[in-house]
PDB file of N, CA and C in Angstrom:
ATOM      1  N   MET A   1      43.300   8.848 -17.242  1.00  0.00           N
ATOM      2  CA  MET A   1      43.904   9.934 -16.501  1.00  0.00           C
ATOM      3  C   MET A   1      43.540   9.747 -15.025  1.00  0.00           C
ATOM      4  N   PRO A   2      44.528   9.653 -14.141  1.00  0.00           N
ATOM      5  CA  PRO A   2      44.252   9.440 -12.731  1.00  0.00           C
ATOM      6  C   PRO A   2      43.653  10.683 -12.078  1.00  0.00           C
ATOM      7  N   LEU A   3      42.905  10.434 -11.010  1.00  0.00           N
ATOM      8  CA  LEU A   3      42.302  11.534 -10.265  1.00  0.00           C
ATOM      9  C   LEU A   3      43.334  12.168  -9.337  1.00  0.00           C
ATOM     10  N   SER A   4      43.146  13.449  -9.092  1.00  0.00           N
ATOM     11  CA  SER A   4      44.022  14.111  -8.128  1.00  0.00           C
ATOM     12  C   SER A   4      43.643  13.643  -6.724  1.00  0.00           C
ATOM     13  N   GLU A   5      44.486  13.937  -5.772  1.00  0.00           N
ATOM     14  CA  GLU A   5      44.238  13.512  -4.385  1.00  0.00           C
ATOM     15  C   GLU A   5      42.945  14.117  -3.850  1.00  0.00           C
ATOM     16  N   GLN A   6      42.708  15.382  -4.160  1.00  0.00           N
ATOM     17  CA  GLN A   6      41.486  16.049  -3.700  1.00  0.00           C
ATOM     18  C   GLN A   6      40.251  15.426  -4.359  1.00  0.00           C
ATOM     19  N   GLU A   7      40.339  15.149  -5.635  1.00  0.00           N
ATOM     20  CA  GLU A   7      39.216  14.525  -6.334  1.00  0.00           C
ATOM     21  C   GLU A   7      38.940  13.123  -5.788  1.00  0.00           C
ATOM     22  N   GLN A   8      40.003  12.384  -5.468  1.00  0.00           N
ATOM     23  CA  GLN A   8      39.843  11.042  -4.920  1.00  0.00           C
ATOM     24  C   GLN A   8      39.182  11.096  -3.545  1.00  0.00           C
ATOM     25  N   ARG A   9      39.586  12.055  -2.686  1.00  0.00           N
ATOM     26  CA  ARG A   9      38.957  12.206  -1.368  1.00  0.00           C
ATOM     27  C   ARG A   9      37.489  12.585  -1.512  1.00  0.00           C
ATOM     28  N   LEU A  10      37.194  13.485  -2.429  1.00  0.00           N
ATOM     29  CA  LEU A  10      35.811  13.898  -2.656  1.00  0.00           C
ATOM     30  C   LEU A  10      34.970  12.716  -3.143  1.00  0.00           C
ATOM     31  N   LEU A  11      35.524  11.929  -4.050  1.00  0.00           N
ATOM     32  CA  LEU A  11      34.826  10.754  -4.542  1.00  0.00           C
ATOM     33  C   LEU A  11      34.582   9.743  -3.423  1.00  0.00           C
ATOM     34  N   ASP A  12      35.574   9.519  -2.566  1.00  0.00           N
ATOM     35  CA  ASP A  12      35.416   8.597  -1.434  1.00  0.00           C
ATOM     36  C   ASP A  12      34.342   9.093  -0.462  1.00  0.00           C
ATOM     37  N   GLU A  13      34.332  10.398  -0.209  1.00  0.00           N
ATOM     38  CA  GLU A  13      33.326  10.965   0.689  1.00  0.00           C
ATOM     39  C   GLU A  13      31.919  10.816   0.098  1.00  0.00           C
ATOM     40  N   MET A  14      31.786  11.073  -1.190  1.00  0.00           N
ATOM     41  CA  MET A  14      30.482  10.911  -1.843  1.00  0.00           C
ATOM     42  C   MET A  14      30.025   9.459  -1.780  1.00  0.00           C
ATOM     43  N   GLU A  15      30.957   8.530  -1.953  1.00  0.00           N
ATOM     44  CA  GLU A  15      30.619   7.113  -1.900  1.00  0.00           C
ATOM     45  C   GLU A  15      30.148   6.716  -0.499  1.00  0.00           C
ATOM     46  N   ARG A  16      30.851   7.183   0.543  1.00  0.00           N
ATOM     47  CA  ARG A  16      30.438   6.888   1.926  1.00  0.00           C
ATOM     48  C   ARG A  16      29.037   7.446   2.202  1.00  0.00           C
ATOM     49  N   ASN A  17      28.795   8.684   1.777  1.00  0.00           N
ATOM     50  CA  ASN A  17      27.475   9.294   1.978  1.00  0.00           C
ATOM     51  C   ASN A  17      26.387   8.527   1.240  1.00  0.00           C
ATOM     52  N   LEU A  18      26.706   8.058   0.045  1.00  0.00           N
ATOM     53  CA  LEU A  18      25.735   7.294  -0.726  1.00  0.00           C
ATOM     54  C   LEU A  18      25.390   5.990  -0.015  1.00  0.00           C
ATOM     55  N   TYR A  19      26.396   5.273   0.472  1.00  0.00           N
ATOM     56  CA  TYR A  19      26.134   4.026   1.185  1.00  0.00           C
ATOM     57  C   TYR A  19      25.334   4.271   2.461  1.00  0.00           C
ATOM     58  N   HIS A  20      25.654   5.350   3.170  1.00  0.00           N
ATOM     59  CA  HIS A  20      24.936   5.668   4.403  1.00  0.00           C
ATOM     60  C   HIS A  20      23.473   5.994   4.113  1.00  0.00           C
ATOM     61  N   SER A  21      23.230   6.856   3.130  1.00  0.00           N
ATOM     62  CA  SER A  21      21.845   7.231   2.821  1.00  0.00           C
ATOM     63  C   SER A  21      21.084   6.061   2.221  1.00  0.00           C
ATOM     64  N   GLU A  22      21.766   5.196   1.473  1.00  0.00           N
ATOM     65  CA  GLU A  22      21.106   4.029   0.898  1.00  0.00           C
ATOM     66  C   GLU A  22      20.650   3.070   1.998  1.00  0.00           C
ATOM     67  N   ALA A  23      21.473   2.899   3.031  1.00  0.00           N
ATOM     68  CA  ALA A  23      21.090   2.030   4.147  1.00  0.00           C
ATOM     69  C   ALA A  23      19.862   2.585   4.865  1.00  0.00           C
ATOM     70  N   GLU A  24      19.794   3.899   5.028  1.00  0.00           N
ATOM     71  CA  GLU A  24      18.620   4.511   5.659  1.00  0.00           C
ATOM     72  C   GLU A  24      17.380   4.322   4.798  1.00  0.00           C
ATOM     73  N   ASP A  25      17.528   4.462   3.482  1.00  0.00           N
ATOM     74  CA  ASP A  25      16.397   4.293   2.573  1.00  0.00           C
ATOM     75  C   ASP A  25      15.868   2.863   2.621  1.00  0.00           C
ATOM     76  N   VAL A  26      16.766   1.903   2.695  1.00  0.00           N
ATOM     77  CA  VAL A  26      16.354   0.499   2.729  1.00  0.00           C
ATOM     78  C   VAL A  26      15.577   0.207   4.000  1.00  0.00           C
ATOM     79  N   THR A  27      16.004   0.727   5.137  1.00  0.00           N
ATOM     80  CA  THR A  27      15.268   0.467   6.376  1.00  0.00           C
ATOM     81  C   THR A  27      13.927   1.178   6.368  1.00  0.00           C
ATOM     82  N   THR A  28      13.861   2.363   5.765  1.00  0.00           N
ATOM     83  CA  THR A  28      12.589   3.092   5.701  1.00  0.00           C
ATOM     84  C   THR A  28      11.616   2.401   4.759  1.00  0.00           C
ATOM     85  N   VAL A  29      12.071   2.012   3.589  1.00  0.00           N
ATOM     86  CA  VAL A  29      11.204   1.378   2.607  1.00  0.00           C
ATOM     87  C   VAL A  29      10.819  -0.019   3.055  1.00  0.00           C
ATOM     88  N   GLY A  30      11.690  -0.691   3.763  1.00  0.00           N
ATOM     89  CA  GLY A  30      11.429  -2.053   4.196  1.00  0.00           C
ATOM     90  C   GLY A  30      10.400  -2.161   5.297  1.00  0.00           C
ATOM     91  N   ALA A  31      10.076  -1.060   5.954  1.00  0.00           N
ATOM     92  CA  ALA A  31       9.090  -1.096   7.032  1.00  0.00           C
ATOM     93  C   ALA A  31       7.715  -1.387   6.440  1.00  0.00           C
ATOM     94  N   ARG A  32       7.091  -2.436   6.933  1.00  0.00           N
ATOM     95  CA  ARG A  32       5.790  -2.821   6.399  1.00  0.00           C
ATOM     96  C   ARG A  32       4.680  -2.241   7.254  1.00  0.00           C
ATOM     97  N   PRO A  33       3.615  -1.745   6.623  1.00  0.00           N
ATOM     98  CA  PRO A  33       2.480  -1.261   7.399  1.00  0.00           C
ATOM     99  C   PRO A  33       1.738  -2.436   8.023  1.00  0.00           C
ATOM    100  N   GLY A  34       0.842  -2.139   8.928  1.00  0.00           N
ATOM    101  CA  GLY A  34       0.061  -3.196   9.553  1.00  0.00           C
ATOM    102  C   GLY A  34      -0.890  -3.842   8.561  1.00  0.00           C
ATOM    103  N   ARG A  35      -1.458  -4.940   8.972  1.00  0.00           N
ATOM    104  CA  ARG A  35      -2.407  -5.631   8.105  1.00  0.00           C
ATOM    105  C   ARG A  35      -3.822  -5.338   8.610  1.00  0.00           C
ATOM    106  N   ALA A  36      -4.801  -5.588   7.768  1.00  0.00           N
ATOM    107  CA  ALA A  36      -6.191  -5.296   8.113  1.00  0.00           C
ATOM    108  C   ALA A  36      -6.648  -6.192   9.261  1.00  0.00           C
ATOM    109  N   ASN A  37      -7.404  -5.615  10.183  1.00  0.00           N
ATOM    110  CA  ASN A  37      -7.939  -6.435  11.267  1.00  0.00           C
ATOM    111  C   ASN A  37      -9.293  -7.008  10.858  1.00  0.00           C
ATOM    112  N   GLY A  38      -9.904  -7.758  11.743  1.00  0.00           N
ATOM    113  CA  GLY A  38     -11.163  -8.437  11.427  1.00  0.00           C
ATOM    114  C   GLY A  38     -12.284  -7.490  11.065  1.00  0.00           C
ATOM    115  N   THR A  39     -12.358  -6.359  11.756  1.00  0.00           N
ATOM    116  CA  THR A  39     -13.417  -5.392  11.472  1.00  0.00           C
ATOM    117  C   THR A  39     -13.307  -4.863  10.048  1.00  0.00           C
ATOM    118  N   ALA A  40     -12.095  -4.524   9.631  1.00  0.00           N
ATOM    119  CA  ALA A  40     -11.906  -4.006   8.276  1.00  0.00           C
ATOM    120  C   ALA A  40     -12.281  -5.051   7.235  1.00  0.00           C
ATOM    121  N   ILE A  41     -11.954  -6.299   7.493  1.00  0.00           N
ATOM    122  CA  ILE A  41     -12.263  -7.362   6.536  1.00  0.00           C
ATOM    123  C   ILE A  41     -13.771  -7.578   6.436  1.00  0.00           C
ATOM    124  N   VAL A  42     -14.467  -7.562   7.578  1.00  0.00           N
ATOM    125  CA  VAL A  42     -15.927  -7.761   7.563  1.00  0.00           C
ATOM    126  C   VAL A  42     -16.610  -6.593   6.853  1.00  0.00           C
ATOM    127  N   VAL A  43     -16.197  -5.364   7.168  1.00  0.00           N
ATOM    128  CA  VAL A  43     -16.801  -4.188   6.529  1.00  0.00           C
ATOM    129  C   VAL A  43     -16.529  -4.219   5.021  1.00  0.00           C
ATOM    130  N   ALA A  44     -15.314  -4.613   4.640  1.00  0.00           N
ATOM    131  CA  ALA A  44     -14.977  -4.686   3.222  1.00  0.00           C
ATOM    132  C   ALA A  44     -15.798  -5.758   2.510  1.00  0.00           C
ATOM    133  N   ALA A  45     -15.977  -6.908   3.143  1.00  0.00           N
ATOM    134  CA  ALA A  45     -16.770  -7.979   2.534  1.00  0.00           C
ATOM    135  C   ALA A  45     -18.223  -7.540   2.353  1.00  0.00           C
ATOM    136  N   ILE A  46     -18.764  -6.861   3.346  1.00  0.00           N
ATOM    137  CA  ILE A  46     -20.133  -6.355   3.229  1.00  0.00           C
ATOM    138  C   ILE A  46     -20.217  -5.332   2.100  1.00  0.00           C
ATOM    139  N   GLY A  47     -19.210  -4.455   2.003  1.00  0.00           N
ATOM    140  CA  GLY A  47     -19.190  -3.456   0.933  1.00  0.00           C
ATOM    141  C   GLY A  47     -19.128  -4.092  -0.443  1.00  0.00           C
ATOM    142  N   VAL A  48     -18.314  -5.138  -0.575  1.00  0.00           N
ATOM    143  CA  VAL A  48     -18.197  -5.814  -1.869  1.00  0.00           C
ATOM    144  C   VAL A  48     -19.510  -6.506  -2.226  1.00  0.00           C
ATOM    145  N   LEU A  49     -20.108  -7.198  -1.276  1.00  0.00           N
ATOM    146  CA  LEU A  49     -21.379  -7.888  -1.553  1.00  0.00           C
ATOM    147  C   LEU A  49     -22.501  -6.899  -1.869  1.00  0.00           C
ATOM    148  N   LEU A  50     -22.570  -5.818  -1.092  1.00  0.00           N
ATOM    149  CA  LEU A  50     -23.581  -4.792  -1.350  1.00  0.00           C
ATOM    150  C   LEU A  50     -23.351  -4.147  -2.716  1.00  0.00           C
ATOM    151  N   GLY A  51     -22.084  -3.886  -3.032  1.00  0.00           N
ATOM    152  CA  GLY A  51     -21.757  -3.305  -4.334  1.00  0.00           C
ATOM    153  C   GLY A  51     -22.121  -4.223  -5.475  1.00  0.00           C
ATOM    154  N   LEU A  52     -21.863  -5.514  -5.314  1.00  0.00           N
ATOM    155  CA  LEU A  52     -22.220  -6.481  -6.346  1.00  0.00           C
ATOM    156  C   LEU A  52     -23.733  -6.515  -6.551  1.00  0.00           C
ATOM    157  N   ALA A  53     -24.472  -6.492  -5.436  1.00  0.00           N
ATOM    158  CA  ALA A  53     -25.933  -6.484  -5.539  1.00  0.00           C
ATOM    159  C   ALA A  53     -26.425  -5.221  -6.251  1.00  0.00           C
ATOM    160  N   LEU A  54     -25.830  -4.077  -5.913  1.00  0.00           N
ATOM    161  CA  LEU A  54     -26.226  -2.830  -6.579  1.00  0.00           C
ATOM    162  C   LEU A  54     -25.870  -2.852  -8.061  1.00  0.00           C
ATOM    163  N   LEU A  55     -24.719  -3.398  -8.380  1.00  0.00           N
ATOM    164  CA  LEU A  55     -24.299  -3.470  -9.772  1.00  0.00           C
ATOM    165  C   LEU A  55     -25.259  -4.326 -10.595  1.00  0.00           C
ATOM    166  N   VAL A  56     -25.599  -5.493 -10.070  1.00  0.00           N
ATOM    167  CA  VAL A  56     -26.526  -6.384 -10.782  1.00  0.00           C
ATOM    168  C   VAL A  56     -27.910  -5.726 -10.877  1.00  0.00           C
ATOM    169  N   THR A  57     -28.343  -5.096  -9.809  1.00  0.00           N
ATOM    170  CA  THR A  57     -29.641  -4.415  -9.819  1.00  0.00           C
ATOM    171  C   THR A  57     -29.648  -3.298 -10.864  1.00  0.00           C
ATOM    172  N   GLY A  58     -28.560  -2.550 -10.933  1.00  0.00           N
ATOM    173  CA  GLY A  58     -28.469  -1.475 -11.921  1.00  0.00           C
ATOM    174  C   GLY A  58     -28.544  -1.987 -13.342  1.00  0.00           C
ATOM    175  N   VAL A  59     -27.957  -3.160 -13.591  1.00  0.00           N
ATOM    176  CA  VAL A  59     -28.025  -3.745 -14.933  1.00  0.00           C
ATOM    177  C   VAL A  59     -29.436  -4.230 -15.222  1.00  0.00           C
ATOM    178  N   ILE A  60     -30.061  -4.865 -14.234  1.00  0.00           N
ATOM    179  CA  ILE A  60     -31.408  -5.407 -14.442  1.00  0.00           C
ATOM    180  C   ILE A  60     -32.416  -4.295 -14.713  1.00  0.00           C
ATOM    181  N   VAL A  61     -32.374  -3.224 -13.914  1.00  0.00           N
ATOM    182  CA  VAL A  61     -33.360  -2.154 -14.078  1.00  0.00           C
ATOM    183  C   VAL A  61     -32.896  -1.079 -15.061  1.00  0.00           C
ATOM    184  N   ARG A  62     -31.736  -1.294 -15.658  1.00  0.00           N
ATOM    185  CA  ARG A  62     -31.175  -0.399 -16.664  1.00  0.00           C
ATOM    186  C   ARG A  62     -31.003   1.027 -16.140  1.00  0.00           C
ATOM    187  N   GLN A  63     -30.430   1.109 -14.961  1.00  0.00           N
ATOM    188  CA  GLN A  63     -30.117   2.391 -14.342  1.00  0.00           C
ATOM    189  C   GLN A  63     -28.599   2.482 -14.150  1.00  0.00           C
ATOM    190  N   PRO A  64     -27.910   3.185 -15.021  1.00  0.00           N
ATOM    191  CA  PRO A  64     -26.449   3.246 -14.930  1.00  0.00           C
ATOM    192  C   PRO A  64     -25.938   3.810 -13.603  1.00  0.00           C
ATOM    193  N   LEU A  65     -26.658   4.760 -13.032  1.00  0.00           N
ATOM    194  CA  LEU A  65     -26.214   5.368 -11.777  1.00  0.00           C
ATOM    195  C   LEU A  65     -26.157   4.327 -10.657  1.00  0.00           C
ATOM    196  N   VAL A  66     -27.130   3.448 -10.598  1.00  0.00           N
ATOM    197  CA  VAL A  66     -27.141   2.397  -9.580  1.00  0.00           C
ATOM    198  C   VAL A  66     -25.964   1.445  -9.801  1.00  0.00           C
ATOM    199  N   GLY A  67     -25.694   1.101 -11.033  1.00  0.00           N
ATOM    200  CA  GLY A  67     -24.559   0.245 -11.348  1.00  0.00           C
ATOM    201  C   GLY A  67     -23.230   0.895 -10.993  1.00  0.00           C
ATOM    202  N   ILE A  68     -23.122   2.190 -11.262  1.00  0.00           N
ATOM    203  CA  ILE A  68     -21.884   2.909 -10.933  1.00  0.00           C
ATOM    204  C   ILE A  68     -21.693   2.965  -9.426  1.00  0.00           C
ATOM    205  N   LEU A  69     -22.765   3.206  -8.680  1.00  0.00           N
ATOM    206  CA  LEU A  69     -22.666   3.200  -7.213  1.00  0.00           C
ATOM    207  C   LEU A  69     -22.262   1.816  -6.705  1.00  0.00           C
ATOM    208  N   GLY A  70     -22.776   0.777  -7.316  1.00  0.00           N
ATOM    209  CA  GLY A  70     -22.404  -0.578  -6.938  1.00  0.00           C
ATOM    210  C   GLY A  70     -20.933  -0.853  -7.191  1.00  0.00           C
ATOM    211  N   PHE A  71     -20.450  -0.423  -8.342  1.00  0.00           N
ATOM    212  CA  PHE A  71     -19.032  -0.600  -8.650  1.00  0.00           C
ATOM    213  C   PHE A  71     -18.173   0.170  -7.663  1.00  0.00           C
ATOM    214  N   ALA A  72     -18.588   1.382  -7.319  1.00  0.00           N
ATOM    215  CA  ALA A  72     -17.830   2.195  -6.363  1.00  0.00           C
ATOM    216  C   ALA A  72     -17.783   1.519  -4.990  1.00  0.00           C
ATOM    217  N   ALA A  73     -18.892   0.916  -4.573  1.00  0.00           N
ATOM    218  CA  ALA A  73     -18.915   0.224  -3.286  1.00  0.00           C
ATOM    219  C   ALA A  73     -17.993  -0.998  -3.310  1.00  0.00           C
ATOM    220  N   MET A  74     -18.000  -1.727  -4.401  1.00  0.00           N
ATOM    221  CA  MET A  74     -17.092  -2.881  -4.518  1.00  0.00           C
ATOM    222  C   MET A  74     -15.639  -2.420  -4.492  1.00  0.00           C
ATOM    223  N   PHE A  75     -15.327  -1.368  -5.221  1.00  0.00           N
ATOM    224  CA  PHE A  75     -13.968  -0.849  -5.266  1.00  0.00           C
ATOM    225  C   PHE A  75     -13.517  -0.394  -3.881  1.00  0.00           C
ATOM    226  N   ALA A  76     -14.393   0.310  -3.161  1.00  0.00           N
ATOM    227  CA  ALA A  76     -14.056   0.776  -1.814  1.00  0.00           C
ATOM    228  C   ALA A  76     -13.801  -0.406  -0.877  1.00  0.00           C
ATOM    229  N   GLY A  77     -14.577  -1.470  -1.007  1.00  0.00           N
ATOM    230  CA  GLY A  77     -14.356  -2.647  -0.171  1.00  0.00           C
ATOM    231  C   GLY A  77     -13.015  -3.293  -0.427  1.00  0.00           C
ATOM    232  N   VAL A  78     -12.635  -3.389  -1.677  1.00  0.00           N
ATOM    233  CA  VAL A  78     -11.329  -3.988  -2.010  1.00  0.00           C
ATOM    234  C   VAL A  78     -10.201  -3.087  -1.514  1.00  0.00           C
ATOM    235  N   VAL A  79     -10.327  -1.787  -1.689  1.00  0.00           N
ATOM    236  CA  VAL A  79      -9.297  -0.864  -1.223  1.00  0.00           C
ATOM    237  C   VAL A  79      -9.167  -0.932   0.288  1.00  0.00           C
ATOM    238  N   LEU A  80     -10.265  -1.106   0.999  1.00  0.00           N
ATOM    239  CA  LEU A  80     -10.239  -1.194   2.453  1.00  0.00           C
ATOM    240  C   LEU A  80      -9.430  -2.392   2.930  1.00  0.00           C
ATOM    241  N   VAL A  81      -9.475  -3.490   2.219  1.00  0.00           N
ATOM    242  CA  VAL A  81      -8.702  -4.668   2.604  1.00  0.00           C
ATOM    243  C   VAL A  81      -7.244  -4.514   2.182  1.00  0.00           C
ATOM    244  N   VAL A  82      -7.014  -3.995   0.988  1.00  0.00           N
ATOM    245  CA  VAL A  82      -5.647  -3.898   0.479  1.00  0.00           C
ATOM    246  C   VAL A  82      -4.859  -2.814   1.213  1.00  0.00           C
ATOM    247  N   ALA A  83      -5.461  -1.664   1.455  1.00  0.00           N
ATOM    248  CA  ALA A  83      -4.780  -0.552   2.124  1.00  0.00           C
ATOM    249  C   ALA A  83      -5.693   0.015   3.208  1.00  0.00           C
ATOM    250  N   PRO A  84      -5.825  -0.696   4.328  1.00  0.00           N
ATOM    251  CA  PRO A  84      -6.737  -0.230   5.372  1.00  0.00           C
ATOM    252  C   PRO A  84      -6.223   1.032   6.055  1.00  0.00           C
ATOM    253  N   PRO A  85      -7.134   1.867   6.569  1.00  0.00           N
ATOM    254  CA  PRO A  85      -6.689   3.027   7.328  1.00  0.00           C
ATOM    255  C   PRO A  85      -5.941   2.574   8.582  1.00  0.00           C
ATOM    256  N   LEU A  86      -5.073   3.422   9.106  1.00  0.00           N
ATOM    257  CA  LEU A  86      -4.234   3.040  10.248  1.00  0.00           C
ATOM    258  C   LEU A  86      -5.048   2.607  11.458  1.00  0.00           C
ATOM    259  N   ARG A  87      -6.210   3.193  11.669  1.00  0.00           N
ATOM    260  CA  ARG A  87      -6.997   2.819  12.850  1.00  0.00           C
ATOM    261  C   ARG A  87      -7.631   1.440  12.717  1.00  0.00           C
ATOM    262  N   LEU A  88      -7.636   0.871  11.519  1.00  0.00           N
ATOM    263  CA  LEU A  88      -8.202  -0.459  11.318  1.00  0.00           C
ATOM    264  C   LEU A  88      -7.119  -1.493  11.011  1.00  0.00           C
ATOM    265  N   THR A  89      -5.927  -1.298  11.572  1.00  0.00           N
ATOM    266  CA  THR A  89      -4.846  -2.238  11.322  1.00  0.00           C
ATOM    267  C   THR A  89      -4.322  -2.810  12.624  1.00  0.00           C
ATOM    268  N   VAL A  90      -3.694  -3.955  12.518  1.00  0.00           N
ATOM    269  CA  VAL A  90      -2.955  -4.542  13.628  1.00  0.00           C
ATOM    270  C   VAL A  90      -1.516  -4.684  13.155  1.00  0.00           C
ATOM    271  N   PRO A  91      -0.549  -4.603  14.064  1.00  0.00           N
ATOM    272  CA  PRO A  91       0.848  -4.696  13.633  1.00  0.00           C
ATOM    273  C   PRO A  91       1.124  -6.016  12.930  1.00  0.00           C
ATOM    274  N   SER A  92       1.892  -5.933  11.867  1.00  0.00           N
ATOM    275  CA  SER A  92       2.261  -7.163  11.168  1.00  0.00           C
ATOM    276  C   SER A  92       3.423  -7.810  11.892  1.00  0.00           C
ATOM    277  N   ARG A  93       3.587  -9.099  11.656  1.00  0.00           N
ATOM    278  CA  ARG A  93       4.681  -9.822  12.294  1.00  0.00           C
ATOM    279  C   ARG A  93       6.010  -9.347  11.733  1.00  0.00           C
ATOM    280  N   PRO A  94       7.020  -9.202  12.595  1.00  0.00           N
ATOM    281  CA  PRO A  94       8.321  -8.776  12.072  1.00  0.00           C
ATOM    282  C   PRO A  94       8.919  -9.840  11.163  1.00  0.00           C
ATOM    283  N   ARG A  95       9.669  -9.386  10.206  1.00  0.00           N
ATOM    284  CA  ARG A  95      10.319 -10.314   9.286  1.00  0.00           C
ATOM    285  C   ARG A  95      11.450 -11.045  10.010  1.00  0.00           C
ATOM    286  N   THR A  96      11.595 -12.309   9.695  1.00  0.00           N
ATOM    287  CA  THR A  96      12.702 -13.071  10.246  1.00  0.00           C
ATOM    288  C   THR A  96      13.709 -13.351   9.154  1.00  0.00           C
ATOM    289  N   ARG A  97      14.955 -13.295   9.529  1.00  0.00           N
ATOM    290  CA  ARG A  97      15.994 -13.583   8.542  1.00  0.00           C
ATOM    291  C   ARG A  97      16.328 -15.049   8.586  1.00  0.00           C
ATOM    292  N   ASP A  98      16.422 -15.639   7.412  1.00  0.00           N
ATOM    293  CA  ASP A  98      16.751 -17.063   7.332  1.00  0.00           C
ATOM    294  C   ASP A  98      18.229 -17.289   7.256  1.00  0.00           C
TER     295      ASP A  98
END
């Protein structure tokens, strides 16, 4: 059953709006955050090493709380590198199209 003229215009308008909003979503989602700078990487590495030392110490002395604190420090160090706070980032290089 064919669409009426009004239904066809409404469908065309919805399609145009969808394409327009989809293009905006792609540009918004495609924006990459900055990458971690040297300070964030050094602090994260120290956190991971300190956490590892605490974790091993907690196992050796059989103190679960020390081990849990060590794991938390390691986790925080990894999170700092993967998703650094905005003040510890430098702009990433823009993407180039091939």
